[in-house]
Amino acid sequence: MMKTTLLRACLAFGLVLSMPAALAQQGFSFVALGDLPYGSPEKAYVPYRALIDRINQVGPDFSIHVGDIKSGSTLCSDEEFANQLQHFQRFKGAVVFTPGDNEWTDCHRANNGGYDPLERLAALRKGFFKPGQSLGSQPIRVQSQAQRTPAFATYVENLRWQHQGVQFNTVHIVGSNNNLEARDPAASKEFYERDAANIAWIQSAFADAATQNPSLIVFAFQADVFDSKSMYEDFPGWSGFRQSIGETLLPLAQRWGKPVLVIHGDSHKFKLDQPFTLNRQPLPNITRLIVPGASDVRAVKVTVQPGAALAFELISPVP
């Protein structure tokens, strides 16, 4: 039943997302997951570890975790961070991580331990990001914005790598309106500085694509950028995603014209669609994948075929 439902979902988007059976053994695959593990170690760790073990059996070329390595009501402690680093090392292959809001912006909550969000962000950057390489037991080479652009030396978490003619990018865009909080001067300052870095990183992705000519560009981040949508605009003035997504990624993707895949979490429900528009016109070259998460402990295997045809398969902890 699941395979039939998923196949129909893929075919609904035509050739960009469909895959001829004869080509099933070609191309490469990666796994996308996020918003995991959610809950106490006693309840959440066992199924999450089972999912990682299943991913190891599937054997993707690498995995991408789009953030929220803990729920919004658990401690942002050093111990929790250490546990999640151990989980990333449980992956037999490489795993690339981009932060979510639960591991830093929301850590001021009493049930999170009342931490300083900026201190937790600094701890994430120090503990989870190594110059030039991903996480996982067999890390891959990656390039960070910090390495590439001295003006953005803080942003070790914005990563880029190439794989079989596809360009991959992580961008530090998180839920909770991307930490844009007008009532908190420190949060606003952090947002505007990171937003400038994200915009520059997205721009450089398309600049690289102009010379390297990838068949597909992939952007992975945590936030569901439509959370701040109004009746009249996808990205109103108060949206923390207006400049990075609405005024940067979308027009550059439209101009580039070739396939773009946007992967995010935050909403916790698996979805494949093409929701992006620019000037009220649909952008059919941009496909969105929302990974499952929270109580839905599954991941998504993405198979990339020659010519940027994509196929998607949900992975459960038990085969």
Protein backbone atom coordinates (compact mmCIF):
# COMPACT_ATOMS: atom_id res chain seq x y z
CA MET A 1 0.00 0.00 0.00
CA MET A 2 2.77 2.48 0.91
CA LYS A 3 4.73 1.83 -2.28
CA THR A 4 1.59 2.34 -4.41
CA THR A 5 0.71 5.58 -2.66
CA LEU A 6 4.24 6.89 -2.97
CA LEU A 7 4.47 5.99 -6.65
CA ARG A 8 1.31 7.96 -7.38
CA ALA A 9 2.71 10.92 -5.47
CA CYS A 10 5.85 10.84 -7.59
CA LEU A 11 4.08 10.44 -10.91
CA ALA A 12 1.78 13.35 -10.13
CA PHE A 13 4.71 15.72 -10.76
CA GLY A 14 5.56 14.28 -14.16
CA LEU A 15 9.00 13.51 -15.57
CA VAL A 16 10.97 15.57 -13.08
CA LEU A 17 9.92 13.27 -10.23
CA SER A 18 9.22 10.03 -12.08
CA MET A 19 11.70 7.30 -12.89
CA PRO A 20 11.60 4.67 -15.67
CA ALA A 21 12.00 1.18 -14.21
CA ALA A 22 14.82 0.43 -16.61
CA LEU A 23 16.92 3.15 -14.98
CA ALA A 24 16.31 1.99 -11.41
CA GLN A 25 19.86 0.67 -10.99
CA GLN A 26 21.56 3.85 -12.22
CA GLY A 27 22.25 7.19 -10.58
CA PHE A 28 22.81 7.50 -6.84
CA SER A 29 20.79 7.88 -3.67
CA PHE A 30 20.88 9.87 -0.46
CA VAL A 31 18.65 9.89 2.61
CA ALA A 32 16.90 12.95 4.06
CA LEU A 33 15.59 13.01 7.62
CA GLY A 34 14.86 15.48 10.38
CA ASP A 35 12.88 16.40 13.50
CA LEU A 36 14.35 13.29 15.12
CA PRO A 37 14.67 12.07 17.79
CA TYR A 38 11.74 13.68 19.62
CA GLY A 39 11.09 12.89 23.28
CA SER A 40 12.92 11.50 26.26
CA PRO A 41 15.89 9.18 25.70
CA GLU A 42 13.85 6.30 27.11
CA LYS A 43 11.11 6.72 24.49
CA ALA A 44 12.84 8.31 21.51
CA TYR A 45 16.32 6.83 21.25
CA VAL A 46 15.45 3.18 20.54
CA PRO A 47 13.29 3.82 17.44
CA TYR A 48 15.69 6.49 16.20
CA ARG A 49 18.65 4.14 16.47
CA ALA A 50 16.62 1.48 14.68
CA LEU A 51 15.99 3.97 11.86
CA ILE A 52 19.72 4.75 11.62
CA ASP A 53 20.45 1.02 11.48
CA ARG A 54 17.91 0.68 8.67
CA ILE A 55 19.53 3.58 6.78
CA ASN A 56 22.86 1.81 7.15
CA GLN A 57 21.29 -1.28 5.57
CA VAL A 58 19.95 0.80 2.67
CA GLY A 59 23.45 2.18 2.12
CA PRO A 60 22.91 5.65 0.63
CA ASP A 61 25.86 7.66 -0.63
CA PHE A 62 25.25 10.03 2.32
CA SER A 63 22.44 11.32 4.55
CA ILE A 64 21.21 14.84 5.33
CA HIS A 65 19.64 15.66 8.71
CA VAL A 66 17.67 18.90 8.39
CA GLY A 67 17.70 19.80 12.06
CA ASP A 68 15.72 19.52 15.27
CA ILE A 69 17.84 16.81 16.89
CA LYS A 70 15.59 17.11 19.96
CA SER A 71 12.01 18.08 20.64
CA GLY A 72 10.93 21.55 21.71
CA SER A 73 10.23 20.43 25.28
CA THR A 74 13.46 18.64 26.23
CA LEU A 75 16.69 19.96 27.68
CA CYS A 76 19.26 21.73 25.50
CA SER A 77 22.01 20.28 27.65
CA ASP A 78 25.60 19.43 26.77
CA GLU A 79 24.67 15.82 27.55
CA GLU A 80 21.88 15.91 24.96
CA PHE A 81 24.23 17.39 22.38
CA ALA A 82 26.80 14.68 23.12
CA ASN A 83 24.14 11.99 22.71
CA GLN A 84 23.15 13.35 19.32
CA LEU A 85 26.76 13.51 18.18
CA GLN A 86 27.01 9.82 19.08
CA HIS A 87 23.90 9.17 17.01
CA PHE A 88 25.48 10.88 14.00
CA GLN A 89 28.56 8.70 14.39
CA ARG A 90 26.25 5.67 14.35
CA PHE A 91 25.70 6.33 10.62
CA LYS A 92 28.07 4.00 8.74
CA GLY A 93 28.31 6.53 5.94
CA ALA A 94 28.43 10.32 5.94
CA VAL A 95 25.74 12.54 7.43
CA VAL A 96 25.48 16.30 6.89
CA PHE A 97 23.63 18.25 9.58
CA THR A 98 22.03 21.69 9.51
CA PRO A 99 20.68 23.12 12.79
CA GLY A 100 17.03 23.46 13.73
CA ASP A 101 15.31 25.85 16.10
CA ASN A 102 14.81 23.28 18.86
CA GLU A 103 18.52 23.02 19.52
CA TRP A 104 19.14 26.73 20.00
CA THR A 105 16.48 29.42 19.35
CA ASP A 106 13.94 27.82 21.70
CA CYS A 107 16.39 26.83 24.42
CA HIS A 108 15.41 29.81 26.59
CA ARG A 109 12.20 27.97 27.54
CA ALA A 110 12.04 26.74 31.13
CA ASN A 111 11.38 23.15 30.03
CA ASN A 112 14.48 23.37 27.81
CA GLY A 113 16.62 24.37 30.76
CA GLY A 114 16.49 28.15 30.43
CA TYR A 115 19.64 28.40 28.31
CA ASP A 116 20.97 31.41 26.43
CA PRO A 117 20.10 30.61 22.77
CA LEU A 118 23.23 32.31 21.44
CA GLU A 119 25.43 30.29 23.79
CA ARG A 120 23.75 27.09 22.59
CA LEU A 121 24.28 28.14 18.96
CA ALA A 122 27.96 28.67 19.67
CA ALA A 123 28.12 25.20 21.26
CA LEU A 124 26.50 23.66 18.17
CA ARG A 125 28.98 25.33 15.87
CA LYS A 126 31.90 24.19 17.98
CA GLY A 127 30.75 20.60 18.49
CA PHE A 128 28.96 19.58 15.31
CA PHE A 129 31.02 21.15 12.53
CA LYS A 130 34.55 20.19 11.53
CA PRO A 131 36.43 22.15 8.86
CA GLY A 132 36.10 20.49 5.47
CA GLN A 133 34.17 17.38 6.43
CA SER A 134 30.76 16.04 7.37
CA LEU A 135 29.75 13.94 10.34
CA GLY A 136 29.26 10.16 10.22
CA SER A 137 31.64 7.20 10.36
CA GLN A 138 32.83 7.82 6.80
CA PRO A 139 32.67 11.60 6.36
CA ILE A 140 32.65 13.27 2.97
CA ARG A 141 34.44 16.44 1.97
CA VAL A 142 32.35 19.59 2.23
CA GLN A 143 33.07 23.28 1.85
CA SER A 144 31.76 25.72 4.43
CA GLN A 145 30.87 29.35 3.96
CA ALA A 146 33.35 30.09 6.76
CA GLN A 147 36.18 28.55 4.74
CA ARG A 148 35.18 30.21 1.52
CA THR A 149 34.26 33.73 2.61
CA PRO A 150 36.21 35.39 5.46
CA ALA A 151 33.45 37.97 5.93
CA PHE A 152 31.17 35.11 7.04
CA ALA A 153 33.70 33.18 9.11
CA THR A 154 31.11 32.50 11.81
CA TYR A 155 28.88 30.38 9.55
CA VAL A 156 30.61 27.01 9.67
CA GLU A 157 27.19 25.33 9.35
CA ASN A 158 26.46 26.56 5.80
CA LEU A 159 27.90 23.75 3.70
CA ARG A 160 28.25 22.85 0.01
CA TRP A 161 29.40 19.76 -1.81
CA GLN A 162 29.17 18.21 -5.26
CA HIS A 163 28.18 14.63 -6.00
CA GLN A 164 27.84 13.10 -9.46
CA GLY A 165 26.94 16.36 -11.13
CA VAL A 166 24.56 17.54 -8.41
CA GLN A 167 25.22 20.54 -6.16
CA PHE A 168 24.12 20.21 -2.51
CA ASN A 169 23.77 23.10 -0.05
CA THR A 170 22.73 23.43 3.57
CA VAL A 171 21.47 26.83 4.66
CA HIS A 172 20.90 27.80 8.30
CA ILE A 173 17.23 28.75 8.08
CA VAL A 174 15.17 27.67 11.10
CA GLY A 175 11.62 27.63 12.41
CA SER A 176 10.26 30.06 14.99
CA ASN A 177 10.26 32.61 12.15
CA ASN A 178 14.00 32.16 11.67
CA ASN A 179 14.68 33.78 15.07
CA LEU A 180 13.33 37.14 13.90
CA GLU A 181 11.95 38.51 17.18
CA ALA A 182 11.44 42.27 17.27
CA ARG A 183 11.01 42.27 21.08
CA ASP A 184 14.48 40.78 21.59
CA PRO A 185 17.32 42.99 20.30
CA ALA A 186 19.90 40.19 20.61
CA ALA A 187 17.73 37.80 18.60
CA SER A 188 17.05 40.42 15.93
CA LYS A 189 20.75 41.20 15.61
CA GLU A 190 21.56 37.51 15.24
CA PHE A 191 18.82 37.10 12.63
CA TYR A 192 19.91 39.98 10.42
CA GLU A 193 23.54 38.91 10.46
CA ARG A 194 22.72 35.25 9.68
CA ASP A 195 20.15 36.27 7.07
CA ALA A 196 22.84 38.27 5.24
CA ALA A 197 25.13 35.23 5.33
CA ASN A 198 22.36 32.94 4.07
CA ILE A 199 21.53 35.29 1.22
CA ALA A 200 25.18 35.43 0.17
CA TRP A 201 25.44 31.62 0.40
CA ILE A 202 22.38 31.10 -1.81
CA GLN A 203 23.68 33.63 -4.31
CA SER A 204 27.04 31.88 -4.46
CA ALA A 205 25.30 28.54 -5.06
CA PHE A 206 23.77 29.84 -8.26
CA ALA A 207 26.99 31.61 -9.22
CA ASP A 208 28.82 28.28 -8.91
CA ALA A 209 26.06 26.58 -10.88
CA ALA A 210 26.54 29.03 -13.74
CA THR A 211 30.10 27.79 -14.23
CA GLN A 212 29.84 24.16 -13.06
CA ASN A 213 26.48 23.42 -14.74
CA PRO A 214 25.05 20.85 -12.30
CA SER A 215 21.99 18.89 -13.38
CA LEU A 216 20.25 19.67 -10.08
CA ILE A 217 20.70 22.06 -7.14
CA VAL A 218 19.58 20.88 -3.69
CA PHE A 219 18.95 23.20 -0.75
CA ALA A 220 18.39 21.69 2.72
CA PHE A 221 17.30 23.64 5.79
CA GLN A 222 15.03 23.13 8.79
CA ALA A 223 12.22 25.68 8.54
CA ASP A 224 8.84 25.38 6.90
CA VAL A 225 9.09 28.80 5.30
CA PHE A 226 5.33 29.06 4.78
CA ASP A 227 4.66 29.21 8.54
CA SER A 228 4.57 33.01 8.39
CA LYS A 229 2.38 33.09 5.27
CA SER A 230 -0.48 35.60 5.23
CA MET A 231 -3.72 35.66 3.23
CA TYR A 232 -2.07 37.93 0.68
CA GLU A 233 1.63 37.03 0.62
CA ASP A 234 3.74 33.93 1.06
CA PHE A 235 6.47 36.07 2.62
CA PRO A 236 4.98 39.18 4.26
CA GLY A 237 7.11 41.91 5.79
CA TRP A 238 7.26 40.24 9.20
CA SER A 239 8.44 36.93 7.74
CA GLY A 240 11.93 35.80 8.65
CA PHE A 241 12.08 34.08 5.25
CA ARG A 242 11.19 37.01 3.00
CA GLN A 243 14.67 38.03 1.89
CA SER A 244 16.45 34.68 1.85
CA ILE A 245 13.67 32.71 0.16
CA GLY A 246 11.18 35.09 -1.42
CA GLU A 247 13.67 37.68 -2.70
CA THR A 248 16.77 35.53 -3.27
CA LEU A 249 16.30 31.78 -3.75
CA LEU A 250 13.08 31.94 -5.78
CA PRO A 251 14.11 34.56 -8.39
CA LEU A 252 17.54 32.97 -8.79
CA ALA A 253 15.97 29.53 -9.26
CA GLN A 254 13.55 30.95 -11.82
CA ARG A 255 16.41 32.55 -13.72
CA TRP A 256 18.48 29.34 -13.59
CA GLY A 257 15.58 27.33 -14.99
CA LYS A 258 16.88 23.83 -14.27
CA PRO A 259 15.63 21.54 -11.46
CA VAL A 260 15.92 22.66 -7.84
CA LEU A 261 15.02 20.45 -4.87
CA VAL A 262 14.22 22.10 -1.53
CA ILE A 263 14.29 19.78 1.50
CA HIS A 264 13.06 20.81 4.93
CA GLY A 265 11.40 19.53 8.08
CA ASP A 266 9.58 21.49 10.81
CA SER A 267 6.06 20.36 9.78
CA HIS A 268 6.67 16.67 10.63
CA LYS A 269 4.48 15.30 7.81
CA PHE A 270 5.91 13.79 4.63
CA LYS A 271 4.97 15.81 1.56
CA LEU A 272 6.08 16.20 -2.05
CA ASP A 273 4.79 19.27 -3.84
CA GLN A 274 5.65 22.36 -5.89
CA PRO A 275 4.23 25.21 -3.80
CA PHE A 276 6.58 28.05 -4.72
CA THR A 277 5.45 31.00 -6.79
CA LEU A 278 7.03 34.27 -7.87
CA ASN A 279 4.91 37.26 -8.82
CA ARG A 280 1.90 34.92 -8.54
CA GLN A 281 3.35 32.60 -11.16
CA PRO A 282 4.19 28.97 -10.29
CA LEU A 283 7.81 27.85 -10.34
CA PRO A 284 7.60 24.33 -11.82
CA ASN A 285 11.36 23.74 -11.68
CA ILE A 286 11.35 23.84 -7.83
CA THR A 287 10.19 20.73 -6.00
CA ARG A 288 9.78 20.60 -2.23
CA LEU A 289 10.28 17.58 0.01
CA ILE A 290 9.10 17.76 3.63
CA VAL A 291 10.61 14.94 5.66
CA PRO A 292 8.52 13.15 8.30
CA GLY A 293 9.50 13.51 11.93
CA ALA A 294 8.45 13.75 15.59
CA SER A 295 6.18 10.73 16.19
CA ASP A 296 6.61 9.62 12.55
CA VAL A 297 10.04 8.00 12.82
CA ARG A 298 10.84 7.58 9.14
CA ALA A 299 13.27 8.98 6.58
CA VAL A 300 13.15 9.52 2.82
CA LYS A 301 15.47 7.88 0.32
CA VAL A 302 15.96 10.13 -2.70
CA THR A 303 17.28 8.52 -5.87
CA VAL A 304 18.82 10.88 -8.42
CA GLN A 305 18.86 9.65 -11.99
CA PRO A 306 20.85 11.01 -14.94
CA GLY A 307 19.14 14.18 -16.13
CA ALA A 308 17.93 15.05 -12.60
CA ALA A 309 14.94 12.72 -12.55
CA LEU A 310 14.05 11.99 -8.92
CA ALA A 311 12.35 9.14 -7.09
CA PHE A 312 11.37 9.08 -3.43
CA GLU A 313 10.89 6.18 -1.01
CA LEU A 314 9.93 6.27 2.65
CA ILE A 315 12.20 4.27 4.96
CA SER A 316 10.91 2.81 8.24
CA PRO A 317 12.97 1.45 11.13
CA VAL A 318 11.77 -2.07 10.25
CA PRO A 319 12.22 -3.26 6.61
